[in-house]
């Protein structure tokens, strides 16, 4: 029977980083992963950064719908149509605002008998855990029915902070295993059992149905333009990411602004299926705002050159 691993976690926690590690590790070991990615706007942005050994027929990006509510029937339909493969494993990355309890409650209903019951893995950003203000409730929801909790960004905090976060997580989900990203044994995941945690709290998921949008990007004259765009967007926008071409650089450049405001820029490790994009998730996201911010960054670049 084929395992289904569902990856959840707050915006920017490190879900895609974990997914890329799982995909590459399973392929190296001779497994055949099928990947489903869900995002508010452009799931192809993350999809095109995965291991190039995954063929298009083994990858399904789901844009626009939220797979824990309006998109659950679509998700279940796609899972049931996944082709049977030798050494198959299905990996699902949920969007960062997913009601993880509701997703697991409904996903397993109506799944083909050739699949094992879905297992949930939650990624927790130790640095920013319970630092989300009004969104703490959503982040807490995303660990309550996970069989495994993976701690990310532990290198940025003290051992005391890791211990405090671990204790919080044990109180919310006393049955889950908790490991760091470095401690994770990816081949143990298919052997996990569904969560036995029964002390889950109700969550009004519609509070997390935020605005989102994306626009096409022009080539940027320098990397400073990316910083300008990321820092100019309001804090209410919780997720900023995209990729573009920078003059003088051989490969495309990927960038993201995490909910804590940190901006990360690196080479784009993937093949472009969509063309350069900027996308945002969070209150205040609007195409006209993104267009204006990009225009301002280009104007600033012209002043630097003159």
C-alpha atoms as a PDB file:
ATOM      1  CA  UNK A   1       0.000   0.000   0.000  1.00  0.00           C
ATOM      2  CA  UNK A   2       1.144   3.536  -0.749  1.00  0.00           C
ATOM      3  CA  UNK A   3       1.796   6.071   2.006  1.00  0.00           C
ATOM      4  CA  UNK A   4       0.380   9.616   1.851  1.00  0.00           C
ATOM      5  CA  UNK A   5       2.459  12.240   3.675  1.00  0.00           C
ATOM      6  CA  UNK A   6       0.792  15.639   4.184  1.00  0.00           C
ATOM      7  CA  UNK A   7       3.127  18.542   5.027  1.00  0.00           C
ATOM      8  CA  UNK A   8       1.604  21.502   6.884  1.00  0.00           C
ATOM      9  CA  UNK A   9       2.978  24.568   8.637  1.00  0.00           C
ATOM     10  CA  UNK A  10       2.721  28.337   8.828  1.00  0.00           C
ATOM     11  CA  UNK A  11       3.757  30.574   5.940  1.00  0.00           C
ATOM     12  CA  UNK A  12       7.539  30.500   5.564  1.00  0.00           C
ATOM     13  CA  UNK A  13       8.122  27.765   8.141  1.00  0.00           C
ATOM     14  CA  UNK A  14      10.099  25.590   5.732  1.00  0.00           C
ATOM     15  CA  UNK A  15       7.529  23.231   4.176  1.00  0.00           C
ATOM     16  CA  UNK A  16       8.991  23.424   0.675  1.00  0.00           C
ATOM     17  CA  UNK A  17      12.513  22.915   2.044  1.00  0.00           C
ATOM     18  CA  UNK A  18      11.319  19.719   3.698  1.00  0.00           C
ATOM     19  CA  UNK A  19       9.453  18.641   0.574  1.00  0.00           C
ATOM     20  CA  UNK A  20      12.538  19.063  -1.607  1.00  0.00           C
ATOM     21  CA  UNK A  21      14.564  16.963   0.836  1.00  0.00           C
ATOM     22  CA  UNK A  22      11.944  14.207   0.825  1.00  0.00           C
ATOM     23  CA  UNK A  23      11.615  14.160  -2.947  1.00  0.00           C
ATOM     24  CA  UNK A  24      15.351  13.945  -3.587  1.00  0.00           C
ATOM     25  CA  UNK A  25      15.897  11.391  -0.825  1.00  0.00           C
ATOM     26  CA  UNK A  26      13.136   9.086  -1.994  1.00  0.00           C
ATOM     27  CA  UNK A  27      14.239   9.279  -5.626  1.00  0.00           C
ATOM     28  CA  UNK A  28      17.832   8.509  -4.626  1.00  0.00           C
ATOM     29  CA  UNK A  29      16.549   5.405  -2.831  1.00  0.00           C
ATOM     30  CA  UNK A  30      14.595   4.180  -5.860  1.00  0.00           C
ATOM     31  CA  UNK A  31      11.143   5.313  -4.771  1.00  0.00           C
ATOM     32  CA  UNK A  32       8.606   6.976  -7.075  1.00  0.00           C
ATOM     33  CA  UNK A  33       7.131  10.064  -5.394  1.00  0.00           C
ATOM     34  CA  UNK A  34       4.016  11.817  -6.657  1.00  0.00           C
ATOM     35  CA  UNK A  35       3.828  15.433  -5.461  1.00  0.00           C
ATOM     36  CA  UNK A  36       0.787  17.671  -4.975  1.00  0.00           C
ATOM     37  CA  UNK A  37       1.418  21.327  -4.073  1.00  0.00           C
ATOM     38  CA  UNK A  38      -1.302  23.698  -2.936  1.00  0.00           C
ATOM     39  CA  UNK A  39      -0.905  27.482  -2.892  1.00  0.00           C
ATOM     40  CA  UNK A  40      -3.199  30.491  -2.961  1.00  0.00           C
ATOM     41  CA  UNK A  41      -1.633  31.917  -6.070  1.00  0.00           C
ATOM     42  CA  UNK A  42       1.101  30.255  -8.062  1.00  0.00           C
ATOM     43  CA  UNK A  43       1.877  26.711  -6.928  1.00  0.00           C
ATOM     44  CA  UNK A  44       4.066  26.356 -10.023  1.00  0.00           C
ATOM     45  CA  UNK A  45       6.616  28.693  -8.400  1.00  0.00           C
ATOM     46  CA  UNK A  46       7.461  26.055  -5.800  1.00  0.00           C
ATOM     47  CA  UNK A  47       6.855  23.135  -8.154  1.00  0.00           C
ATOM     48  CA  UNK A  48       9.514  24.239 -10.593  1.00  0.00           C
ATOM     49  CA  UNK A  49      12.156  24.206  -7.836  1.00  0.00           C
ATOM     50  CA  UNK A  50      11.750  20.499  -7.092  1.00  0.00           C
ATOM     51  CA  UNK A  51      14.114  17.767  -8.195  1.00  0.00           C
ATOM     52  CA  UNK A  52      14.344  17.794 -11.997  1.00  0.00           C
ATOM     53  CA  UNK A  53      14.056  14.004 -11.959  1.00  0.00           C
ATOM     54  CA  UNK A  54      10.316  14.326 -11.243  1.00  0.00           C
ATOM     55  CA  UNK A  55       8.487  14.136 -14.541  1.00  0.00           C
ATOM     56  CA  UNK A  56       5.508  16.452 -15.170  1.00  0.00           C
ATOM     57  CA  UNK A  57       3.131  13.492 -14.838  1.00  0.00           C
ATOM     58  CA  UNK A  58       4.382  12.993 -11.265  1.00  0.00           C
ATOM     59  CA  UNK A  59       3.603  16.545 -10.151  1.00  0.00           C
ATOM     60  CA  UNK A  60       0.303  18.371  -9.631  1.00  0.00           C
ATOM     61  CA  UNK A  61       0.223  22.039  -8.548  1.00  0.00           C
ATOM     62  CA  UNK A  62      -3.167  23.168  -7.193  1.00  0.00           C
ATOM     63  CA  UNK A  63      -3.713  26.921  -7.417  1.00  0.00           C
ATOM     64  CA  UNK A  64      -6.362  29.084  -5.830  1.00  0.00           C
ATOM     65  CA  UNK A  65      -8.397  26.653  -3.741  1.00  0.00           C
ATOM     66  CA  UNK A  66      -7.787  25.829  -0.087  1.00  0.00           C
ATOM     67  CA  UNK A  67      -7.430  22.064   0.182  1.00  0.00           C
ATOM     68  CA  UNK A  68      -8.832  21.857   3.722  1.00  0.00           C
ATOM     69  CA  UNK A  69     -12.227  23.255   2.709  1.00  0.00           C
ATOM     70  CA  UNK A  70     -13.240  24.368  -0.797  1.00  0.00           C
ATOM     71  CA  UNK A  71     -10.521  22.266  -2.444  1.00  0.00           C
ATOM     72  CA  UNK A  72     -10.845  19.033  -0.454  1.00  0.00           C
ATOM     73  CA  UNK A  73     -12.969  17.243  -3.071  1.00  0.00           C
ATOM     74  CA  UNK A  74     -10.524  18.275  -5.817  1.00  0.00           C
ATOM     75  CA  UNK A  75      -7.581  17.055  -3.751  1.00  0.00           C
ATOM     76  CA  UNK A  76      -9.210  13.710  -3.003  1.00  0.00           C
ATOM     77  CA  UNK A  77     -10.048  13.287  -6.686  1.00  0.00           C
ATOM     78  CA  UNK A  78      -6.434  13.916  -7.714  1.00  0.00           C
ATOM     79  CA  UNK A  79      -5.129  11.489  -5.099  1.00  0.00           C
ATOM     80  CA  UNK A  80      -7.424   8.715  -6.307  1.00  0.00           C
ATOM     81  CA  UNK A  81      -6.264   9.274  -9.899  1.00  0.00           C
ATOM     82  CA  UNK A  82      -2.557   8.976  -9.061  1.00  0.00           C
ATOM     83  CA  UNK A  83      -1.208   6.101 -11.181  1.00  0.00           C
ATOM     84  CA  UNK A  84      -0.073   2.966  -9.396  1.00  0.00           C
ATOM     85  CA  UNK A  85       3.714   2.732  -9.281  1.00  0.00           C
ATOM     86  CA  UNK A  86       6.272   0.376  -7.861  1.00  0.00           C
ATOM     87  CA  UNK A  87       7.685   1.899  -4.632  1.00  0.00           C
ATOM     88  CA  UNK A  88       5.174   4.732  -4.824  1.00  0.00           C
ATOM     89  CA  UNK A  89       4.749   7.445  -2.181  1.00  0.00           C
ATOM     90  CA  UNK A  90       2.481  10.506  -2.313  1.00  0.00           C
ATOM     91  CA  UNK A  91       3.637  13.847  -0.866  1.00  0.00           C
ATOM     92  CA  UNK A  92       1.185  16.730  -0.362  1.00  0.00           C
ATOM     93  CA  UNK A  93       2.290  20.230   0.626  1.00  0.00           C
ATOM     94  CA  UNK A  94      -0.637  22.255   1.978  1.00  0.00           C
ATOM     95  CA  UNK A  95      -0.716  26.044   1.795  1.00  0.00           C
ATOM     96  CA  UNK A  96       0.455  27.991   4.832  1.00  0.00           C
ATOM     97  CA  UNK A  97      -3.028  28.866   6.104  1.00  0.00           C
ATOM     98  CA  UNK A  98      -4.454  25.351   6.051  1.00  0.00           C
ATOM     99  CA  UNK A  99      -6.714  24.205   8.888  1.00  0.00           C
ATOM    100  CA  UNK A 100      -4.669  21.065   9.495  1.00  0.00           C
ATOM    101  CA  UNK A 101      -7.259  19.405  11.747  1.00  0.00           C
ATOM    102  CA  UNK A 102     -10.043  19.780   9.199  1.00  0.00           C
ATOM    103  CA  UNK A 103      -7.805  18.637   6.351  1.00  0.00           C
ATOM    104  CA  UNK A 104      -6.972  15.336   8.060  1.00  0.00           C
ATOM    105  CA  UNK A 105     -10.573  14.814   9.155  1.00  0.00           C
ATOM    106  CA  UNK A 106     -11.846  14.832   5.572  1.00  0.00           C
ATOM    107  CA  UNK A 107      -8.893  13.765   3.411  1.00  0.00           C
ATOM    108  CA  UNK A 108      -8.981  10.106   4.407  1.00  0.00           C
ATOM    109  CA  UNK A 109     -12.683   9.750   3.652  1.00  0.00           C
ATOM    110  CA  UNK A 110     -13.139   8.262   0.186  1.00  0.00           C
ATOM    111  CA  UNK A 111      -9.455   7.587  -0.505  1.00  0.00           C
ATOM    112  CA  UNK A 112      -8.778   4.506  -2.620  1.00  0.00           C
ATOM    113  CA  UNK A 113      -7.993   1.361  -0.625  1.00  0.00           C
ATOM    114  CA  UNK A 114      -4.540   1.065  -2.219  1.00  0.00           C
ATOM    115  CA  UNK A 115      -3.434   3.990  -0.010  1.00  0.00           C
ATOM    116  CA  UNK A 116      -2.544   3.887   3.664  1.00  0.00           C
ATOM    117  CA  UNK A 117      -4.360   6.370   5.952  1.00  0.00           C
ATOM    118  CA  UNK A 118      -2.826   9.844   5.415  1.00  0.00           C
ATOM    119  CA  UNK A 119      -0.087  10.934   7.825  1.00  0.00           C
ATOM    120  CA  UNK A 120       0.479  14.596   8.719  1.00  0.00           C
ATOM    121  CA  UNK A 121       3.892  16.171   9.296  1.00  0.00           C
ATOM    122  CA  UNK A 122       4.031  19.717  10.644  1.00  0.00           C
ATOM    123  CA  UNK A 123       6.988  22.084  10.149  1.00  0.00           C
ATOM    124  CA  UNK A 124       7.454  24.582  12.996  1.00  0.00           C
ATOM    125  CA  UNK A 125       9.708  27.638  12.716  1.00  0.00           C
ATOM    126  CA  UNK A 126      11.253  27.661  16.207  1.00  0.00           C
ATOM    127  CA  UNK A 127      12.383  31.271  15.933  1.00  0.00           C
ATOM    128  CA  UNK A 128       8.902  32.604  15.201  1.00  0.00           C
ATOM    129  CA  UNK A 129       6.685  30.095  17.016  1.00  0.00           C
ATOM    130  CA  UNK A 130       3.865  31.951  18.811  1.00  0.00           C
ATOM    131  CA  UNK A 131       5.256  35.261  17.558  1.00  0.00           C
ATOM    132  CA  UNK A 132       2.440  35.634  14.987  1.00  0.00           C
ATOM    133  CA  UNK A 133       0.171  37.906  17.023  1.00  0.00           C
ATOM    134  CA  UNK A 134      -3.434  37.372  15.962  1.00  0.00           C
ATOM    135  CA  UNK A 135      -2.340  34.400  13.824  1.00  0.00           C
ATOM    136  CA  UNK A 136      -0.962  32.299  16.705  1.00  0.00           C
ATOM    137  CA  UNK A 137      -4.207  30.323  16.788  1.00  0.00           C
ATOM    138  CA  UNK A 138      -3.708  29.199  13.192  1.00  0.00           C
ATOM    139  CA  UNK A 139      -0.115  28.123  13.833  1.00  0.00           C
ATOM    140  CA  UNK A 140      -1.176  26.138  16.913  1.00  0.00           C
ATOM    141  CA  UNK A 141      -3.922  24.440  14.916  1.00  0.00           C
ATOM    142  CA  UNK A 142      -1.336  23.168  12.440  1.00  0.00           C
ATOM    143  CA  UNK A 143       0.425  20.924  14.976  1.00  0.00           C
ATOM    144  CA  UNK A 144      -2.500  19.366  16.810  1.00  0.00           C
ATOM    145  CA  UNK A 145      -3.099  16.286  14.636  1.00  0.00           C
ATOM    146  CA  UNK A 146       0.405  15.794  13.264  1.00  0.00           C
ATOM    147  CA  UNK A 147       2.130  12.464  13.803  1.00  0.00           C
ATOM    148  CA  UNK A 148       5.522  14.151  13.474  1.00  0.00           C
ATOM    149  CA  UNK A 149       6.628  17.737  14.153  1.00  0.00           C
ATOM    150  CA  UNK A 150       9.812  18.929  12.442  1.00  0.00           C
ATOM    151  CA  UNK A 151      11.599  21.910  13.996  1.00  0.00           C
ATOM    152  CA  UNK A 152      13.129  24.370  11.520  1.00  0.00           C
ATOM    153  CA  UNK A 153      15.481  27.359  11.915  1.00  0.00           C
ATOM    154  CA  UNK A 154      16.888  25.958  15.161  1.00  0.00           C
ATOM    155  CA  UNK A 155      20.319  27.301  14.197  1.00  0.00           C
ATOM    156  CA  UNK A 156      19.005  30.844  14.735  1.00  0.00           C
ATOM    157  CA  UNK A 157      17.957  30.420  18.362  1.00  0.00           C
ATOM    158  CA  UNK A 158      19.319  29.280  21.718  1.00  0.00           C
ATOM    159  CA  UNK A 159      18.919  25.797  23.174  1.00  0.00           C
ATOM    160  CA  UNK A 160      16.647  27.351  25.787  1.00  0.00           C
ATOM    161  CA  UNK A 161      14.325  28.618  23.058  1.00  0.00           C
ATOM    162  CA  UNK A 162      14.237  25.183  21.423  1.00  0.00           C
ATOM    163  CA  UNK A 163      13.356  23.590  24.766  1.00  0.00           C
ATOM    164  CA  UNK A 164      10.553  26.094  25.439  1.00  0.00           C
ATOM    165  CA  UNK A 165       9.022  25.602  21.993  1.00  0.00           C
ATOM    166  CA  UNK A 166       9.297  21.835  22.325  1.00  0.00           C
ATOM    167  CA  UNK A 167       7.431  21.985  25.625  1.00  0.00           C
ATOM    168  CA  UNK A 168       4.673  24.101  24.045  1.00  0.00           C
ATOM    169  CA  UNK A 169       4.308  21.582  21.242  1.00  0.00           C
ATOM    170  CA  UNK A 170       4.131  18.641  23.640  1.00  0.00           C
ATOM    171  CA  UNK A 171       1.291  20.358  25.496  1.00  0.00           C
ATOM    172  CA  UNK A 172      -0.636  20.947  22.267  1.00  0.00           C
ATOM    173  CA  UNK A 173       0.061  17.477  20.858  1.00  0.00           C
ATOM    174  CA  UNK A 174       1.391  15.028  23.449  1.00  0.00           C
ATOM    175  CA  UNK A 175       1.369  12.071  21.026  1.00  0.00           C
ATOM    176  CA  UNK A 176       3.541  13.557  18.247  1.00  0.00           C
ATOM    177  CA  UNK A 177       7.230  12.816  17.774  1.00  0.00           C
ATOM    178  CA  UNK A 178       9.354  15.993  17.653  1.00  0.00           C
ATOM    179  CA  UNK A 179      12.656  16.156  15.739  1.00  0.00           C
ATOM    180  CA  UNK A 180      14.820  18.810  14.153  1.00  0.00           C
ATOM    181  CA  UNK A 181      15.285  18.935  10.393  1.00  0.00           C
ATOM    182  CA  UNK A 182      18.766  17.421  10.824  1.00  0.00           C
ATOM    183  CA  UNK A 183      17.449  14.565  12.978  1.00  0.00           C
ATOM    184  CA  UNK A 184      14.719  13.604  10.536  1.00  0.00           C
ATOM    185  CA  UNK A 185      14.803  10.065   9.144  1.00  0.00           C
ATOM    186  CA  UNK A 186      12.797  10.396   5.941  1.00  0.00           C
ATOM    187  CA  UNK A 187      12.405   6.629   5.587  1.00  0.00           C
ATOM    188  CA  UNK A 188      10.602   6.428   8.939  1.00  0.00           C
ATOM    189  CA  UNK A 189       7.763   8.655   7.706  1.00  0.00           C
ATOM    190  CA  UNK A 190       5.828   5.959   5.798  1.00  0.00           C
ATOM    191  CA  UNK A 191       5.857   3.828   8.962  1.00  0.00           C
ATOM    192  CA  UNK A 192       4.134   6.494  11.093  1.00  0.00           C
ATOM    193  CA  UNK A 193       0.581   6.006  12.341  1.00  0.00           C
ATOM    194  CA  UNK A 194      -2.139   8.674  12.187  1.00  0.00           C
ATOM    195  CA  UNK A 195      -2.210  11.045  15.143  1.00  0.00           C
ATOM    196  CA  UNK A 196      -3.857   9.808  18.335  1.00  0.00           C
ATOM    197  CA  UNK A 197      -4.240  13.286  19.796  1.00  0.00           C
ATOM    198  CA  UNK A 198      -7.861  13.836  20.799  1.00  0.00           C
ATOM    199  CA  UNK A 199      -7.487  17.177  22.609  1.00  0.00           C
ATOM    200  CA  UNK A 200      -7.849  19.478  19.596  1.00  0.00           C
ATOM    201  CA  UNK A 201      -9.340  22.973  19.723  1.00  0.00           C
ATOM    202  CA  UNK A 202     -11.947  24.420  17.375  1.00  0.00           C
ATOM    203  CA  UNK A 203     -10.619  26.959  14.867  1.00  0.00           C
ATOM    204  CA  UNK A 204     -12.528  29.391  12.641  1.00  0.00           C
ATOM    205  CA  UNK A 205     -10.548  28.737   9.475  1.00  0.00           C
ATOM    206  CA  UNK A 206     -12.255  31.478   7.480  1.00  0.00           C
ATOM    207  CA  UNK A 207     -10.254  33.997   9.515  1.00  0.00           C
ATOM    208  CA  UNK A 208      -7.207  32.750   7.578  1.00  0.00           C
ATOM    209  CA  UNK A 209      -8.716  33.109   4.102  1.00  0.00           C
ATOM    210  CA  UNK A 210      -6.458  36.022   3.239  1.00  0.00           C
ATOM    211  CA  UNK A 211      -6.078  37.977   0.054  1.00  0.00           C
ATOM    212  CA  UNK A 212      -3.423  36.874  -2.423  1.00  0.00           C
ATOM    213  CA  UNK A 213      -2.217  37.969  -5.844  1.00  0.00           C
ATOM    214  CA  UNK A 214       0.669  37.722  -8.290  1.00  0.00           C
ATOM    215  CA  UNK A 215       2.137  39.737 -11.158  1.00  0.00           C
ATOM    216  CA  UNK A 216       4.726  39.180 -13.872  1.00  0.00           C
ATOM    217  CA  UNK A 217       8.125  40.723 -13.180  1.00  0.00           C
ATOM    218  CA  UNK A 218      10.519  42.533 -15.514  1.00  0.00           C
ATOM    219  CA  UNK A 219      14.267  41.984 -15.399  1.00  0.00           C
ATOM    220  CA  UNK A 220      15.858  43.905 -12.537  1.00  0.00           C
ATOM    221  CA  UNK A 221      19.033  45.955 -13.066  1.00  0.00           C
ATOM    222  CA  UNK A 222      20.466  44.877  -9.685  1.00  0.00           C
ATOM    223  CA  UNK A 223      19.739  42.795  -6.591  1.00  0.00           C
ATOM    224  CA  UNK A 224      18.979  45.951  -4.580  1.00  0.00           C
ATOM    225  CA  UNK A 225      15.695  46.167  -6.488  1.00  0.00           C
ATOM    226  CA  UNK A 226      14.590  42.910  -4.888  1.00  0.00           C
ATOM    227  CA  UNK A 227      15.353  44.240  -1.411  1.00  0.00           C
ATOM    228  CA  UNK A 228      13.440  47.426  -2.230  1.00  0.00           C
ATOM    229  CA  UNK A 229      10.362  45.464  -3.297  1.00  0.00           C
ATOM    230  CA  UNK A 230      10.391  43.165  -0.290  1.00  0.00           C
ATOM    231  CA  UNK A 231      10.863  45.920   2.275  1.00  0.00           C
ATOM    232  CA  UNK A 232       8.338  48.300   0.683  1.00  0.00           C
ATOM    233  CA  UNK A 233       5.414  45.889   0.946  1.00  0.00           C
ATOM    234  CA  UNK A 234       3.365  46.347   4.160  1.00  0.00           C
ATOM    235  CA  UNK A 235       3.804  44.043   7.158  1.00  0.00           C
ATOM    236  CA  UNK A 236       0.197  42.877   6.824  1.00  0.00           C
ATOM    237  CA  UNK A 237       1.341  40.871   3.811  1.00  0.00           C
ATOM    238  CA  UNK A 238       2.680  37.745   5.488  1.00  0.00           C
ATOM    239  CA  UNK A 239       4.274  36.016   2.517  1.00  0.00           C
ATOM    240  CA  UNK A 240       6.300  37.542  -0.310  1.00  0.00           C
ATOM    241  CA  UNK A 241       8.143  35.372  -2.804  1.00  0.00           C
ATOM    242  CA  UNK A 242       9.094  35.207  -6.441  1.00  0.00           C
ATOM    243  CA  UNK A 243      11.904  34.955  -8.937  1.00  0.00           C
ATOM    244  CA  UNK A 244      13.286  37.191 -11.628  1.00  0.00           C
ATOM    245  CA  UNK A 245      16.288  37.819 -13.847  1.00  0.00           C
ATOM    246  CA  UNK A 246      18.959  40.227 -12.622  1.00  0.00           C
ATOM    247  CA  UNK A 247      21.161  41.917 -15.211  1.00  0.00           C
ATOM    248  CA  UNK A 248      24.654  40.413 -15.261  1.00  0.00           C
ATOM    249  CA  UNK A 249      23.683  37.155 -13.545  1.00  0.00           C
ATOM    250  CA  UNK A 250      23.664  33.924 -15.515  1.00  0.00           C
ATOM    251  CA  UNK A 251      20.784  32.262 -13.696  1.00  0.00           C
ATOM    252  CA  UNK A 252      17.467  33.540 -12.383  1.00  0.00           C
ATOM    253  CA  UNK A 253      17.228  34.772  -8.795  1.00  0.00           C
ATOM    254  CA  UNK A 254      14.723  33.490  -6.207  1.00  0.00           C
ATOM    255  CA  UNK A 255      13.651  35.663  -3.276  1.00  0.00           C
ATOM    256  CA  UNK A 256      11.280  35.539  -0.336  1.00  0.00           C
ATOM    257  CA  UNK A 257      10.298  37.659   2.632  1.00  0.00           C
ATOM    258  CA  UNK A 258       9.231  35.559   5.567  1.00  0.00           C
ATOM    259  CA  UNK A 259       6.528  36.631   8.042  1.00  0.00           C
ATOM    260  CA  UNK A 260       9.195  37.900  10.468  1.00  0.00           C
ATOM    261  CA  UNK A 261      10.448  40.336   7.809  1.00  0.00           C
ATOM    262  CA  UNK A 262      13.684  38.526   6.914  1.00  0.00           C
ATOM    263  CA  UNK A 263      14.523  38.714   3.202  1.00  0.00           C
ATOM    264  CA  UNK A 264      16.327  35.778   1.590  1.00  0.00           C
ATOM    265  CA  UNK A 265      17.818  35.911  -1.916  1.00  0.00           C
ATOM    266  CA  UNK A 266      19.472  32.985  -3.687  1.00  0.00           C
ATOM    267  CA  UNK A 267      19.892  31.475  -7.161  1.00  0.00           C
ATOM    268  CA  UNK A 268      16.704  30.016  -8.576  1.00  0.00           C
ATOM    269  CA  UNK A 269      17.266  26.263  -8.542  1.00  0.00           C
ATOM    270  CA  UNK A 270      14.683  25.177 -11.034  1.00  0.00           C
ATOM    271  CA  UNK A 271      13.365  25.459 -14.541  1.00  0.00           C
ATOM    272  CA  UNK A 272      11.005  28.310 -15.355  1.00  0.00           C
ATOM    273  CA  UNK A 273       7.531  27.187 -16.415  1.00  0.00           C
ATOM    274  CA  UNK A 274       5.749  30.472 -15.775  1.00  0.00           C
ATOM    275  CA  UNK A 275       8.213  33.316 -16.364  1.00  0.00           C
ATOM    276  CA  UNK A 276       9.388  35.690 -13.601  1.00  0.00           C
ATOM    277  CA  UNK A 277       6.727  36.248 -10.925  1.00  0.00           C
ATOM    278  CA  UNK A 278       6.090  38.158  -7.712  1.00  0.00           C
ATOM    279  CA  UNK A 279       3.381  36.787  -5.452  1.00  0.00           C
ATOM    280  CA  UNK A 280       2.055  37.771  -2.052  1.00  0.00           C
ATOM    281  CA  UNK A 281      -0.305  36.308   0.544  1.00  0.00           C
ATOM    282  CA  UNK A 282      -1.910  38.302   3.338  1.00  0.00           C
ATOM    283  CA  UNK A 283      -4.217  41.239   4.022  1.00  0.00           C
ATOM    284  CA  UNK A 284      -3.480  44.096   1.635  1.00  0.00           C
ATOM    285  CA  UNK A 285      -2.341  41.951  -1.291  1.00  0.00           C
ATOM    286  CA  UNK A 286      -3.441  43.647  -4.516  1.00  0.00           C
ATOM    287  CA  UNK A 287      -1.982  43.663  -8.049  1.00  0.00           C
ATOM    288  CA  UNK A 288      -1.951  47.456  -8.266  1.00  0.00           C
ATOM    289  CA  UNK A 289       0.131  47.648  -5.075  1.00  0.00           C
ATOM    290  CA  UNK A 290       2.669  45.151  -6.442  1.00  0.00           C
ATOM    291  CA  UNK A 291       2.912  47.010  -9.749  1.00  0.00           C
ATOM    292  CA  UNK A 292       3.500  50.322  -7.931  1.00  0.00           C
ATOM    293  CA  UNK A 293       6.178  48.885  -5.646  1.00  0.00           C
ATOM    294  CA  UNK A 294       8.051  47.334  -8.581  1.00  0.00           C
ATOM    295  CA  UNK A 295       7.901  50.632 -10.476  1.00  0.00           C
ATOM    296  CA  UNK A 296       9.332  52.479  -7.465  1.00  0.00           C
ATOM    297  CA  UNK A 297      12.183  49.976  -7.166  1.00  0.00           C
ATOM    298  CA  UNK A 298      13.085  50.445 -10.843  1.00  0.00           C
ATOM    299  CA  UNK A 299      12.991  54.221 -10.438  1.00  0.00           C
ATOM    300  CA  UNK A 300      15.348  53.969  -7.477  1.00  0.00           C
ATOM    301  CA  UNK A 301      17.699  51.821  -9.561  1.00  0.00           C
ATOM    302  CA  UNK A 302      17.810  54.512 -12.262  1.00  0.00           C
ATOM    303  CA  UNK A 303      18.790  57.084  -9.642  1.00  0.00           C
ATOM    304  CA  UNK A 304      21.578  54.827  -8.372  1.00  0.00           C
ATOM    305  CA  UNK A 305      22.955  54.503 -11.888  1.00  0.00           C
ATOM    306  CA  UNK A 306      22.823  58.255 -12.677  1.00  0.00           C
END
